[in-house]
Amino acid sequence: MIPDLKGWLPVDADVVDGRPGLRWLDMSGVSLTEPSFQQTVERAKADGSRGELFTEFDVLLQVEKLLDSVEPTGFIFHSSRCGSTLVANACRAVSNSIVLSEANPIDKLIARFITDAAGDKVKESLYSVFVRGVVRALGQRRTGDEQHLFIKFACSSTSQIDRIRCIWPNVPWLFLYRDPVETIVSNLNDIPPWLVDKDRRVLAAITSVSPASVAEMKLEELCARSIGSFYSTAHRLANTNALLLNYTQLSVSEIAGVLKFFNVRPSKEEMDEIAHRSGFYSKEVSGTREFVADAQAKQQGASDLIREMAAAWASEPYRLLEEKRLQSNDQKQLNQS
């Protein structure tokens, strides 16, 4: 019997008693207002009264056709600590929008392309179906008015842009990135889970080394290799359906340009809200701590090893990406003239 999952959202991908599948939570009446999807899940779980359910992945094949869901409007990829949460928050300011910001079930399933489907076309096709099904479940209309679905992926999912594009070839996507030295400093000052993942196969695939080499690698080198790989992937795949955006460009007008690229025209009131939100730290749930530019402080705080690793593994891919972004901008200006 197919469970009635209307109002329920998959909140994690896990293995229970040897069975890989999804953990679902009754999210009826819960708005996805926090900067990250998992923060919203934690808030919903806090009162302890919401139903939880575990299913195997095949339930997605059964419920996908039963759900009234919003098709993806735009994808946000990024190289980590580069303003992608700010852009996601801006998308959230658009009325009747659903924003999925680094939702565990999406990014964990995408990781399966590396850990379970590498070189296996049958498994790759199956996980593609599961990823699409999870997005449909998370993008289900719960008020009836939702019109837009924006997905911000974890930075590690950048390595799988090609496979994601195969699932949704017509969805426009953004790649946001930042100076490699500043990115490494930010990650080492507050080490994110993706950089110390116990399953080293994902980082091994991203950095093109063995899991054993990942285990022995200093975080400075691992981070530099990873973000350099993200830059290279975006550089290789960026086309007319992609927008490249450097952290240094971030402004209210540029964010409006991102929304326009996603074929969304925000109202004046929505733009005012975006301008208001941009003045505060994007990752804070309270939204009350004023944003202070920190690029200079990060450059000054970079160790010699960070600069050495950035130069060895990330600076050239960053330069090439910048070159492509500037060429793309010039071409767009020519087309508009």
C-alpha atoms as a PDB file:
ATOM      1  CA  MET A   1       0.000   0.000   0.000  1.00  0.00           C
ATOM      2  CA  ILE A   2       1.356   3.436  -0.974  1.00  0.00           C
ATOM      3  CA  PRO A   3       1.684   5.702   2.095  1.00  0.00           C
ATOM      4  CA  ASP A   4      -0.115   9.055   1.952  1.00  0.00           C
ATOM      5  CA  LEU A   5       2.847  11.419   1.915  1.00  0.00           C
ATOM      6  CA  LYS A   6       1.045  14.657   1.107  1.00  0.00           C
ATOM      7  CA  GLY A   7       2.582  17.255   3.401  1.00  0.00           C
ATOM      8  CA  TRP A   8       5.436  14.914   4.296  1.00  0.00           C
ATOM      9  CA  LEU A   9       8.953  15.727   3.079  1.00  0.00           C
ATOM     10  CA  PRO A  10      12.014  13.502   2.773  1.00  0.00           C
ATOM     11  CA  VAL A  11      14.474  15.023   5.251  1.00  0.00           C
ATOM     12  CA  ASP A  12      17.418  12.622   4.982  1.00  0.00           C
ATOM     13  CA  ALA A  13      18.814   9.678   3.045  1.00  0.00           C
ATOM     14  CA  ASP A  14      19.991   6.880   5.304  1.00  0.00           C
ATOM     15  CA  VAL A  15      20.510   3.133   5.709  1.00  0.00           C
ATOM     16  CA  VAL A  16      18.279   1.322   8.218  1.00  0.00           C
ATOM     17  CA  ASP A  17      18.790  -2.388   8.912  1.00  0.00           C
ATOM     18  CA  GLY A  18      20.834  -2.666   5.758  1.00  0.00           C
ATOM     19  CA  ARG A  19      18.142  -1.026   3.627  1.00  0.00           C
ATOM     20  CA  PRO A  20      19.020   2.272   1.901  1.00  0.00           C
ATOM     21  CA  GLY A  21      16.134   4.714   1.810  1.00  0.00           C
ATOM     22  CA  LEU A  22      14.617   7.983   2.963  1.00  0.00           C
ATOM     23  CA  ARG A  23      13.570   9.411   6.291  1.00  0.00           C
ATOM     24  CA  TRP A  24      10.337  11.406   5.996  1.00  0.00           C
ATOM     25  CA  LEU A  25       8.905  13.997   8.389  1.00  0.00           C
ATOM     26  CA  ASP A  26       5.393  15.385   8.572  1.00  0.00           C
ATOM     27  CA  MET A  27       6.086  19.000   7.588  1.00  0.00           C
ATOM     28  CA  SER A  28       2.457  20.080   7.267  1.00  0.00           C
ATOM     29  CA  GLY A  29       2.186  23.791   7.953  1.00  0.00           C
ATOM     30  CA  VAL A  30       5.970  24.282   8.185  1.00  0.00           C
ATOM     31  CA  SER A  31       7.424  26.975   5.921  1.00  0.00           C
ATOM     32  CA  LEU A  32      10.973  26.572   4.657  1.00  0.00           C
ATOM     33  CA  THR A  33      12.104  29.937   5.992  1.00  0.00           C
ATOM     34  CA  GLU A  34      15.510  29.160   7.498  1.00  0.00           C
ATOM     35  CA  PRO A  35      18.733  29.743   5.516  1.00  0.00           C
ATOM     36  CA  SER A  36      19.269  25.980   5.209  1.00  0.00           C
ATOM     37  CA  PHE A  37      16.792  23.139   4.796  1.00  0.00           C
ATOM     38  CA  GLN A  38      18.249  21.242   7.757  1.00  0.00           C
ATOM     39  CA  GLN A  39      17.681  24.230  10.070  1.00  0.00           C
ATOM     40  CA  THR A  40      14.002  24.091   9.172  1.00  0.00           C
ATOM     41  CA  VAL A  41      13.946  20.341   9.822  1.00  0.00           C
ATOM     42  CA  GLU A  42      15.489  20.863  13.254  1.00  0.00           C
ATOM     43  CA  ARG A  43      12.854  23.482  14.088  1.00  0.00           C
ATOM     44  CA  ALA A  44      10.045  21.173  12.981  1.00  0.00           C
ATOM     45  CA  LYS A  45      11.411  18.297  15.055  1.00  0.00           C
ATOM     46  CA  ALA A  46      11.919  20.410  18.167  1.00  0.00           C
ATOM     47  CA  ASP A  47       8.423  19.939  19.640  1.00  0.00           C
ATOM     48  CA  GLY A  48       8.601  16.161  19.206  1.00  0.00           C
ATOM     49  CA  SER A  49       5.037  15.871  17.955  1.00  0.00           C
ATOM     50  CA  ARG A  50       5.582  15.327  14.225  1.00  0.00           C
ATOM     51  CA  GLY A  51       5.293  11.934  12.605  1.00  0.00           C
ATOM     52  CA  GLU A  52       8.386  10.277  11.130  1.00  0.00           C
ATOM     53  CA  LEU A  53       8.634   7.483   8.594  1.00  0.00           C
ATOM     54  CA  PHE A  54      11.336   5.470   6.840  1.00  0.00           C
ATOM     55  CA  THR A  55      10.810   4.109   3.317  1.00  0.00           C
ATOM     56  CA  GLU A  56      13.026   2.527   0.728  1.00  0.00           C
ATOM     57  CA  PHE A  57      13.817   4.566  -2.366  1.00  0.00           C
ATOM     58  CA  ASP A  58      11.335   2.717  -4.551  1.00  0.00           C
ATOM     59  CA  VAL A  59       8.453   4.536  -2.853  1.00  0.00           C
ATOM     60  CA  LEU A  60       9.501   7.553  -4.936  1.00  0.00           C
ATOM     61  CA  LEU A  61       8.496   5.695  -8.077  1.00  0.00           C
ATOM     62  CA  GLN A  62       5.035   5.179  -6.621  1.00  0.00           C
ATOM     63  CA  VAL A  63       4.321   8.615  -5.141  1.00  0.00           C
ATOM     64  CA  GLU A  64       5.959  10.772  -7.812  1.00  0.00           C
ATOM     65  CA  LYS A  65       2.892  10.747 -10.050  1.00  0.00           C
ATOM     66  CA  LEU A  66       0.561  11.413  -7.114  1.00  0.00           C
ATOM     67  CA  LEU A  67       2.202  14.643  -5.973  1.00  0.00           C
ATOM     68  CA  ASP A  68       1.337  18.097  -7.293  1.00  0.00           C
ATOM     69  CA  SER A  69       4.835  19.546  -7.525  1.00  0.00           C
ATOM     70  CA  VAL A  70       6.563  22.644  -8.871  1.00  0.00           C
ATOM     71  CA  GLU A  71       9.113  22.133 -11.616  1.00  0.00           C
ATOM     72  CA  PRO A  72      12.601  23.555 -10.903  1.00  0.00           C
ATOM     73  CA  THR A  73      13.032  27.227 -11.783  1.00  0.00           C
ATOM     74  CA  GLY A  74      16.751  27.614 -11.198  1.00  0.00           C
ATOM     75  CA  PHE A  75      19.746  25.801  -9.744  1.00  0.00           C
ATOM     76  CA  ILE A  76      22.463  27.345  -7.561  1.00  0.00           C
ATOM     77  CA  PHE A  77      25.886  25.680  -7.594  1.00  0.00           C
ATOM     78  CA  HIS A  78      28.867  27.108  -5.749  1.00  0.00           C
ATOM     79  CA  SER A  79      32.461  26.593  -4.647  1.00  0.00           C
ATOM     80  CA  SER A  80      31.731  27.007  -0.909  1.00  0.00           C
ATOM     81  CA  ARG A  81      31.667  30.114   1.311  1.00  0.00           C
ATOM     82  CA  CYS A  82      31.064  32.484  -1.576  1.00  0.00           C
ATOM     83  CA  GLY A  83      27.638  34.082  -1.035  1.00  0.00           C
ATOM     84  CA  SER A  84      25.385  31.310  -2.334  1.00  0.00           C
ATOM     85  CA  THR A  85      23.211  31.442   0.812  1.00  0.00           C
ATOM     86  CA  LEU A  86      22.643  35.139   0.175  1.00  0.00           C
ATOM     87  CA  VAL A  87      21.369  34.335  -3.321  1.00  0.00           C
ATOM     88  CA  ALA A  88      19.168  31.528  -1.970  1.00  0.00           C
ATOM     89  CA  ASN A  89      17.711  33.903   0.614  1.00  0.00           C
ATOM     90  CA  ALA A  90      16.947  36.367  -2.175  1.00  0.00           C
ATOM     91  CA  CYS A  91      15.069  33.640  -4.039  1.00  0.00           C
ATOM     92  CA  ARG A  92      13.127  33.009  -0.830  1.00  0.00           C
ATOM     93  CA  ALA A  93      11.995  36.653  -0.855  1.00  0.00           C
ATOM     94  CA  VAL A  94      10.117  36.014  -4.115  1.00  0.00           C
ATOM     95  CA  SER A  95       6.458  35.302  -3.381  1.00  0.00           C
ATOM     96  CA  ASN A  96       5.110  31.774  -3.871  1.00  0.00           C
ATOM     97  CA  SER A  97       8.588  30.265  -4.006  1.00  0.00           C
ATOM     98  CA  ILE A  98      10.076  27.106  -2.548  1.00  0.00           C
ATOM     99  CA  VAL A  99      13.800  27.239  -1.810  1.00  0.00           C
ATOM    100  CA  LEU A 100      15.647  24.014  -1.030  1.00  0.00           C
ATOM    101  CA  SER A 101      19.017  24.982   0.377  1.00  0.00           C
ATOM    102  CA  GLU A 102      21.458  22.074   0.669  1.00  0.00           C
ATOM    103  CA  ALA A 103      18.767  19.534   1.524  1.00  0.00           C
ATOM    104  CA  ASN A 104      20.424  16.323   2.742  1.00  0.00           C
ATOM    105  CA  PRO A 105      18.290  13.879   0.735  1.00  0.00           C
ATOM    106  CA  ILE A 106      19.155  15.621  -2.534  1.00  0.00           C
ATOM    107  CA  ASP A 107      22.889  15.948  -2.016  1.00  0.00           C
ATOM    108  CA  LYS A 108      23.304  12.507  -0.431  1.00  0.00           C
ATOM    109  CA  LEU A 109      21.549  10.908  -3.392  1.00  0.00           C
ATOM    110  CA  ILE A 110      23.744  12.868  -5.791  1.00  0.00           C
ATOM    111  CA  ALA A 111      26.776  11.533  -3.909  1.00  0.00           C
ATOM    112  CA  ARG A 112      25.541   8.029  -4.789  1.00  0.00           C
ATOM    113  CA  PHE A 113      26.546   8.735  -8.392  1.00  0.00           C
ATOM    114  CA  ILE A 114      30.116   8.598  -7.056  1.00  0.00           C
ATOM    115  CA  THR A 115      29.917   6.041  -4.261  1.00  0.00           C
ATOM    116  CA  ASP A 116      27.529   3.497  -5.775  1.00  0.00           C
ATOM    117  CA  ALA A 117      27.018   4.122  -9.486  1.00  0.00           C
ATOM    118  CA  ALA A 118      30.468   4.948 -10.829  1.00  0.00           C
ATOM    119  CA  GLY A 119      30.779   3.217 -14.189  1.00  0.00           C
ATOM    120  CA  ASP A 120      27.418   1.466 -13.814  1.00  0.00           C
ATOM    121  CA  LYS A 121      24.955   2.917 -16.325  1.00  0.00           C
ATOM    122  CA  VAL A 122      21.989   1.015 -14.881  1.00  0.00           C
ATOM    123  CA  LYS A 123      22.590   2.339 -11.367  1.00  0.00           C
ATOM    124  CA  GLU A 124      23.259   5.809 -12.756  1.00  0.00           C
ATOM    125  CA  SER A 125      19.860   5.790 -14.475  1.00  0.00           C
ATOM    126  CA  LEU A 126      18.197   4.514 -11.309  1.00  0.00           C
ATOM    127  CA  TYR A 127      19.736   7.190  -9.095  1.00  0.00           C
ATOM    128  CA  SER A 128      18.760   9.820 -11.653  1.00  0.00           C
ATOM    129  CA  VAL A 129      15.150   8.689 -11.221  1.00  0.00           C
ATOM    130  CA  PHE A 130      15.506   8.800  -7.431  1.00  0.00           C
ATOM    131  CA  VAL A 131      17.033  12.296  -7.481  1.00  0.00           C
ATOM    132  CA  ARG A 132      14.175  13.533  -9.663  1.00  0.00           C
ATOM    133  CA  GLY A 133      11.663  11.847  -7.333  1.00  0.00           C
ATOM    134  CA  VAL A 134      13.175  13.422  -4.212  1.00  0.00           C
ATOM    135  CA  VAL A 135      13.058  16.858  -5.829  1.00  0.00           C
ATOM    136  CA  ARG A 136       9.412  16.308  -6.762  1.00  0.00           C
ATOM    137  CA  ALA A 137       8.610  15.249  -3.193  1.00  0.00           C
ATOM    138  CA  LEU A 138      10.410  18.266  -1.714  1.00  0.00           C
ATOM    139  CA  GLY A 139       8.879  20.589  -4.301  1.00  0.00           C
ATOM    140  CA  GLN A 140       5.300  19.507  -3.711  1.00  0.00           C
ATOM    141  CA  ARG A 141       2.720  22.273  -3.451  1.00  0.00           C
ATOM    142  CA  ARG A 142       1.522  22.480   0.128  1.00  0.00           C
ATOM    143  CA  THR A 143      -0.448  25.728  -0.031  1.00  0.00           C
ATOM    144  CA  GLY A 144      -1.475  25.447  -3.687  1.00  0.00           C
ATOM    145  CA  ASP A 145       0.067  28.817  -4.621  1.00  0.00           C
ATOM    146  CA  GLU A 146       3.713  27.857  -5.135  1.00  0.00           C
ATOM    147  CA  GLN A 147       5.066  28.818  -8.568  1.00  0.00           C
ATOM    148  CA  HIS A 148       8.857  28.676  -8.332  1.00  0.00           C
ATOM    149  CA  LEU A 149      11.316  26.065  -7.076  1.00  0.00           C
ATOM    150  CA  PHE A 150      14.933  27.062  -6.487  1.00  0.00           C
ATOM    151  CA  ILE A 151      17.526  24.502  -5.448  1.00  0.00           C
ATOM    152  CA  LYS A 152      20.859  25.371  -3.876  1.00  0.00           C
ATOM    153  CA  PHE A 153      23.072  22.299  -3.940  1.00  0.00           C
ATOM    154  CA  ALA A 154      25.913  21.507  -1.543  1.00  0.00           C
ATOM    155  CA  CYS A 155      29.273  22.492  -3.005  1.00  0.00           C
ATOM    156  CA  SER A 156      30.266  18.825  -3.379  1.00  0.00           C
ATOM    157  CA  SER A 157      27.354  18.322  -5.796  1.00  0.00           C
ATOM    158  CA  THR A 158      29.086  20.738  -8.175  1.00  0.00           C
ATOM    159  CA  SER A 159      31.140  17.738  -9.302  1.00  0.00           C
ATOM    160  CA  GLN A 160      27.933  16.195 -10.660  1.00  0.00           C
ATOM    161  CA  ILE A 161      26.588  19.180 -12.637  1.00  0.00           C
ATOM    162  CA  ASP A 162      26.723  17.137 -15.832  1.00  0.00           C
ATOM    163  CA  ARG A 163      24.494  14.376 -14.453  1.00  0.00           C
ATOM    164  CA  ILE A 164      22.095  16.904 -12.910  1.00  0.00           C
ATOM    165  CA  ARG A 165      21.845  18.672 -16.265  1.00  0.00           C
ATOM    166  CA  CYS A 166      20.944  15.355 -17.874  1.00  0.00           C
ATOM    167  CA  ILE A 167      17.938  15.115 -15.548  1.00  0.00           C
ATOM    168  CA  TRP A 168      16.866  18.758 -16.077  1.00  0.00           C
ATOM    169  CA  PRO A 169      18.542  19.933 -19.315  1.00  0.00           C
ATOM    170  CA  ASN A 170      16.526  23.141 -19.633  1.00  0.00           C
ATOM    171  CA  VAL A 171      16.806  24.513 -16.085  1.00  0.00           C
ATOM    172  CA  PRO A 172      19.115  27.564 -15.943  1.00  0.00           C
ATOM    173  CA  TRP A 173      21.940  27.307 -13.425  1.00  0.00           C
ATOM    174  CA  LEU A 174      24.205  29.668 -11.575  1.00  0.00           C
ATOM    175  CA  PHE A 175      27.761  28.978 -10.438  1.00  0.00           C
ATOM    176  CA  LEU A 176      28.938  31.288  -7.681  1.00  0.00           C
ATOM    177  CA  TYR A 177      32.578  31.352  -6.629  1.00  0.00           C
ATOM    178  CA  ARG A 178      35.199  33.347  -4.759  1.00  0.00           C
ATOM    179  CA  ASP A 179      38.946  33.987  -4.635  1.00  0.00           C
ATOM    180  CA  PRO A 180      40.541  30.666  -3.638  1.00  0.00           C
ATOM    181  CA  VAL A 181      42.637  32.069  -0.780  1.00  0.00           C
ATOM    182  CA  GLU A 182      39.572  33.627   0.841  1.00  0.00           C
ATOM    183  CA  THR A 183      37.566  30.462   0.306  1.00  0.00           C
ATOM    184  CA  ILE A 184      40.199  28.239   1.932  1.00  0.00           C
ATOM    185  CA  VAL A 185      40.609  30.586   4.905  1.00  0.00           C
ATOM    186  CA  SER A 186      36.848  30.618   5.459  1.00  0.00           C
ATOM    187  CA  ASN A 187      36.620  26.823   5.325  1.00  0.00           C
ATOM    188  CA  LEU A 188      39.541  26.305   7.714  1.00  0.00           C
ATOM    189  CA  ASN A 189      38.276  28.897  10.184  1.00  0.00           C
ATOM    190  CA  ASP A 190      34.977  27.002  10.408  1.00  0.00           C
ATOM    191  CA  ILE A 191      35.492  23.515   8.971  1.00  0.00           C
ATOM    192  CA  PRO A 192      32.367  22.279   7.127  1.00  0.00           C
ATOM    193  CA  PRO A 193      31.183  18.642   7.212  1.00  0.00           C
ATOM    194  CA  TRP A 194      31.940  18.046   3.511  1.00  0.00           C
ATOM    195  CA  LEU A 195      35.655  18.639   4.121  1.00  0.00           C
ATOM    196  CA  VAL A 196      35.927  16.012   6.874  1.00  0.00           C
ATOM    197  CA  ASP A 197      33.451  13.454   5.527  1.00  0.00           C
ATOM    198  CA  LYS A 198      34.316   9.984   6.858  1.00  0.00           C
ATOM    199  CA  ASP A 199      33.331   8.456   3.512  1.00  0.00           C
ATOM    200  CA  ARG A 200      36.325   9.752   1.597  1.00  0.00           C
ATOM    201  CA  ARG A 201      35.156   8.409  -1.759  1.00  0.00           C
ATOM    202  CA  VAL A 202      33.379  11.649  -2.675  1.00  0.00           C
ATOM    203  CA  LEU A 203      36.407  13.838  -1.925  1.00  0.00           C
ATOM    204  CA  ALA A 204      38.623  11.297  -3.658  1.00  0.00           C
ATOM    205  CA  ALA A 205      36.519  11.573  -6.813  1.00  0.00           C
ATOM    206  CA  ILE A 206      36.463  15.380  -6.627  1.00  0.00           C
ATOM    207  CA  THR A 207      40.232  15.650  -6.189  1.00  0.00           C
ATOM    208  CA  SER A 208      41.164  12.733  -8.491  1.00  0.00           C
ATOM    209  CA  VAL A 209      43.159  10.845  -5.850  1.00  0.00           C
ATOM    210  CA  SER A 210      42.566   7.698  -3.808  1.00  0.00           C
ATOM    211  CA  PRO A 211      40.576   7.661  -0.552  1.00  0.00           C
ATOM    212  CA  ALA A 212      43.800   6.703   1.222  1.00  0.00           C
ATOM    213  CA  SER A 213      45.480   9.842  -0.143  1.00  0.00           C
ATOM    214  CA  VAL A 214      42.559  11.964   1.062  1.00  0.00           C
ATOM    215  CA  ALA A 215      43.015  10.540   4.572  1.00  0.00           C
ATOM    216  CA  GLU A 216      46.664  11.614   4.632  1.00  0.00           C
ATOM    217  CA  MET A 217      46.165  15.024   3.041  1.00  0.00           C
ATOM    218  CA  LYS A 218      46.328  18.265   5.026  1.00  0.00           C
ATOM    219  CA  LEU A 219      43.070  20.208   5.018  1.00  0.00           C
ATOM    220  CA  GLU A 220      44.740  23.136   3.245  1.00  0.00           C
ATOM    221  CA  GLU A 221      45.618  20.951   0.278  1.00  0.00           C
ATOM    222  CA  LEU A 222      42.323  19.042   0.320  1.00  0.00           C
ATOM    223  CA  CYS A 223      40.310  22.262   0.277  1.00  0.00           C
ATOM    224  CA  ALA A 224      42.468  23.823  -2.443  1.00  0.00           C
ATOM    225  CA  ARG A 225      42.222  20.731  -4.641  1.00  0.00           C
ATOM    226  CA  SER A 226      38.455  20.552  -4.121  1.00  0.00           C
ATOM    227  CA  ILE A 227      37.640  24.145  -4.971  1.00  0.00           C
ATOM    228  CA  GLY A 228      40.040  24.029  -7.896  1.00  0.00           C
ATOM    229  CA  SER A 229      38.074  21.042  -9.162  1.00  0.00           C
ATOM    230  CA  PHE A 230      34.791  22.925  -8.706  1.00  0.00           C
ATOM    231  CA  TYR A 231      36.166  25.855 -10.716  1.00  0.00           C
ATOM    232  CA  SER A 232      37.309  23.511 -13.486  1.00  0.00           C
ATOM    233  CA  THR A 233      33.966  21.721 -13.652  1.00  0.00           C
ATOM    234  CA  ALA A 234      32.050  24.994 -13.944  1.00  0.00           C
ATOM    235  CA  HIS A 235      34.506  26.291 -16.529  1.00  0.00           C
ATOM    236  CA  ARG A 236      34.131  23.148 -18.637  1.00  0.00           C
ATOM    237  CA  LEU A 237      30.332  22.970 -18.506  1.00  0.00           C
ATOM    238  CA  ALA A 238      29.217  26.611 -18.471  1.00  0.00           C
ATOM    239  CA  ASN A 239      27.180  27.448 -21.564  1.00  0.00           C
ATOM    240  CA  THR A 240      24.344  29.781 -22.545  1.00  0.00           C
ATOM    241  CA  ASN A 241      22.170  28.102 -19.915  1.00  0.00           C
ATOM    242  CA  ALA A 242      24.661  28.961 -17.154  1.00  0.00           C
ATOM    243  CA  LEU A 243      25.555  32.161 -15.338  1.00  0.00           C
ATOM    244  CA  LEU A 244      28.969  32.644 -13.715  1.00  0.00           C
ATOM    245  CA  LEU A 245      29.075  35.047 -10.775  1.00  0.00           C
ATOM    246  CA  ASN A 246      32.065  36.078  -8.682  1.00  0.00           C
ATOM    247  CA  TYR A 247      31.567  36.920  -5.009  1.00  0.00           C
ATOM    248  CA  THR A 248      33.012  40.378  -5.708  1.00  0.00           C
ATOM    249  CA  GLN A 249      30.042  41.113  -7.970  1.00  0.00           C
ATOM    250  CA  LEU A 250      27.374  40.425  -5.361  1.00  0.00           C
ATOM    251  CA  SER A 251      24.984  43.348  -5.046  1.00  0.00           C
ATOM    252  CA  VAL A 252      21.249  43.867  -5.072  1.00  0.00           C
ATOM    253  CA  SER A 253      21.322  44.681  -8.789  1.00  0.00           C
ATOM    254  CA  GLU A 254      23.359  41.555  -9.597  1.00  0.00           C
ATOM    255  CA  ILE A 255      20.966  39.401  -7.571  1.00  0.00           C
ATOM    256  CA  ALA A 256      18.122  40.916  -9.569  1.00  0.00           C
ATOM    257  CA  GLY A 257      20.077  39.871 -12.657  1.00  0.00           C
ATOM    258  CA  VAL A 258      20.290  36.296 -11.343  1.00  0.00           C
ATOM    259  CA  LEU A 259      16.512  36.201 -10.855  1.00  0.00           C
ATOM    260  CA  LYS A 260      16.009  37.601 -14.345  1.00  0.00           C
ATOM    261  CA  PHE A 261      18.315  34.870 -15.671  1.00  0.00           C
ATOM    262  CA  PHE A 262      16.030  32.391 -13.879  1.00  0.00           C
ATOM    263  CA  ASN A 263      13.090  34.021 -15.749  1.00  0.00           C
ATOM    264  CA  VAL A 264      11.675  35.548 -12.561  1.00  0.00           C
ATOM    265  CA  ARG A 265      10.647  39.190 -12.367  1.00  0.00           C
ATOM    266  CA  PRO A 266      10.495  40.262  -8.686  1.00  0.00           C
ATOM    267  CA  SER A 267       8.181  43.086  -7.675  1.00  0.00           C
ATOM    268  CA  LYS A 268       9.427  46.326  -6.115  1.00  0.00           C
ATOM    269  CA  GLU A 269       8.336  45.063  -2.703  1.00  0.00           C
ATOM    270  CA  GLU A 270      10.254  41.833  -3.213  1.00  0.00           C
ATOM    271  CA  MET A 271      13.364  43.735  -4.304  1.00  0.00           C
ATOM    272  CA  ASP A 272      13.081  45.924  -1.208  1.00  0.00           C
ATOM    273  CA  GLU A 273      13.015  42.777   0.905  1.00  0.00           C
ATOM    274  CA  ILE A 274      16.052  41.400  -0.937  1.00  0.00           C
ATOM    275  CA  ALA A 275      17.907  44.678  -0.313  1.00  0.00           C
ATOM    276  CA  HIS A 276      17.013  44.485   3.377  1.00  0.00           C
ATOM    277  CA  ARG A 277      18.171  40.871   3.736  1.00  0.00           C
ATOM    278  CA  SER A 278      21.454  41.551   1.964  1.00  0.00           C
ATOM    279  CA  GLY A 279      22.554  43.783   4.816  1.00  0.00           C
ATOM    280  CA  PHE A 280      22.730  40.876   7.286  1.00  0.00           C
ATOM    281  CA  TYR A 281      24.698  37.647   7.590  1.00  0.00           C
ATOM    282  CA  SER A 282      22.886  35.203   5.347  1.00  0.00           C
ATOM    283  CA  LYS A 283      23.429  32.002   7.347  1.00  0.00           C
ATOM    284  CA  GLU A 284      22.052  33.288  10.652  1.00  0.00           C
ATOM    285  CA  VAL A 285      18.504  32.177  11.447  1.00  0.00           C
ATOM    286  CA  SER A 286      17.768  35.370  13.390  1.00  0.00           C
ATOM    287  CA  GLY A 287      18.739  37.603  10.477  1.00  0.00           C
ATOM    288  CA  THR A 288      19.828  40.366  12.851  1.00  0.00           C
ATOM    289  CA  ARG A 289      23.651  40.449  12.668  1.00  0.00           C
ATOM    290  CA  GLU A 290      24.760  43.095  10.217  1.00  0.00           C
ATOM    291  CA  PHE A 291      27.040  41.940   7.431  1.00  0.00           C
ATOM    292  CA  VAL A 292      30.625  43.206   7.467  1.00  0.00           C
ATOM    293  CA  ALA A 293      32.851  42.723   4.404  1.00  0.00           C
ATOM    294  CA  ASP A 294      35.703  40.364   5.265  1.00  0.00           C
ATOM    295  CA  ALA A 295      37.725  39.805   2.087  1.00  0.00           C
ATOM    296  CA  GLN A 296      40.685  41.866   3.315  1.00  0.00           C
ATOM    297  CA  ALA A 297      40.686  40.142   6.704  1.00  0.00           C
ATOM    298  CA  LYS A 298      40.687  36.715   5.050  1.00  0.00           C
ATOM    299  CA  GLN A 299      43.565  37.674   2.770  1.00  0.00           C
ATOM    300  CA  GLN A 300      45.552  38.950   5.751  1.00  0.00           C
ATOM    301  CA  GLY A 301      44.742  35.808   7.754  1.00  0.00           C
ATOM    302  CA  ALA A 302      45.980  33.376   5.097  1.00  0.00           C
ATOM    303  CA  SER A 303      48.954  31.272   6.118  1.00  0.00           C
ATOM    304  CA  ASP A 304      51.902  30.593   3.823  1.00  0.00           C
ATOM    305  CA  LEU A 305      50.652  27.012   3.393  1.00  0.00           C
ATOM    306  CA  ILE A 306      47.198  28.224   2.325  1.00  0.00           C
ATOM    307  CA  ARG A 307      48.742  30.501  -0.283  1.00  0.00           C
ATOM    308  CA  GLU A 308      51.029  27.724  -1.483  1.00  0.00           C
ATOM    309  CA  MET A 309      48.163  25.243  -1.867  1.00  0.00           C
ATOM    310  CA  ALA A 310      45.908  27.829  -3.540  1.00  0.00           C
ATOM    311  CA  ALA A 311      48.659  28.602  -6.048  1.00  0.00           C
ATOM    312  CA  ALA A 312      49.299  24.906  -6.711  1.00  0.00           C
ATOM    313  CA  TRP A 313      45.730  23.674  -7.131  1.00  0.00           C
ATOM    314  CA  ALA A 314      43.183  26.493  -7.467  1.00  0.00           C
ATOM    315  CA  SER A 315      44.652  29.719  -8.834  1.00  0.00           C
ATOM    316  CA  GLU A 316      44.872  28.653 -12.481  1.00  0.00           C
ATOM    317  CA  PRO A 317      41.338  27.126 -12.602  1.00  0.00           C
ATOM    318  CA  TYR A 318      40.110  30.335 -10.928  1.00  0.00           C
ATOM    319  CA  ARG A 319      41.868  32.468 -13.550  1.00  0.00           C
ATOM    320  CA  LEU A 320      40.371  30.454 -16.398  1.00  0.00           C
ATOM    321  CA  LEU A 321      36.904  30.701 -14.845  1.00  0.00           C
ATOM    322  CA  GLU A 322      37.257  34.464 -14.492  1.00  0.00           C
ATOM    323  CA  GLU A 323      38.363  34.687 -18.101  1.00  0.00           C
ATOM    324  CA  LYS A 324      35.318  32.745 -19.250  1.00  0.00           C
ATOM    325  CA  ARG A 325      32.985  34.862 -17.104  1.00  0.00           C
ATOM    326  CA  LEU A 326      34.338  38.089 -18.577  1.00  0.00           C
ATOM    327  CA  GLN A 327      34.116  36.725 -22.126  1.00  0.00           C
ATOM    328  CA  SER A 328      30.532  35.634 -21.477  1.00  0.00           C
ATOM    329  CA  ASN A 329      29.629  39.072 -20.146  1.00  0.00           C
ATOM    330  CA  ASP A 330      31.175  40.730 -23.207  1.00  0.00           C
ATOM    331  CA  GLN A 331      29.191  38.452 -25.503  1.00  0.00           C
ATOM    332  CA  LYS A 332      25.944  39.211 -23.677  1.00  0.00           C
ATOM    333  CA  GLN A 333      26.583  42.928 -24.017  1.00  0.00           C
ATOM    334  CA  LEU A 334      27.201  42.506 -27.732  1.00  0.00           C
ATOM    335  CA  ASN A 335      23.971  40.556 -28.107  1.00  0.00           C
ATOM    336  CA  GLN A 336      22.040  43.293 -26.295  1.00  0.00           C
ATOM    337  CA  SER A 337      23.556  46.151 -28.325  1.00  0.00           C
END
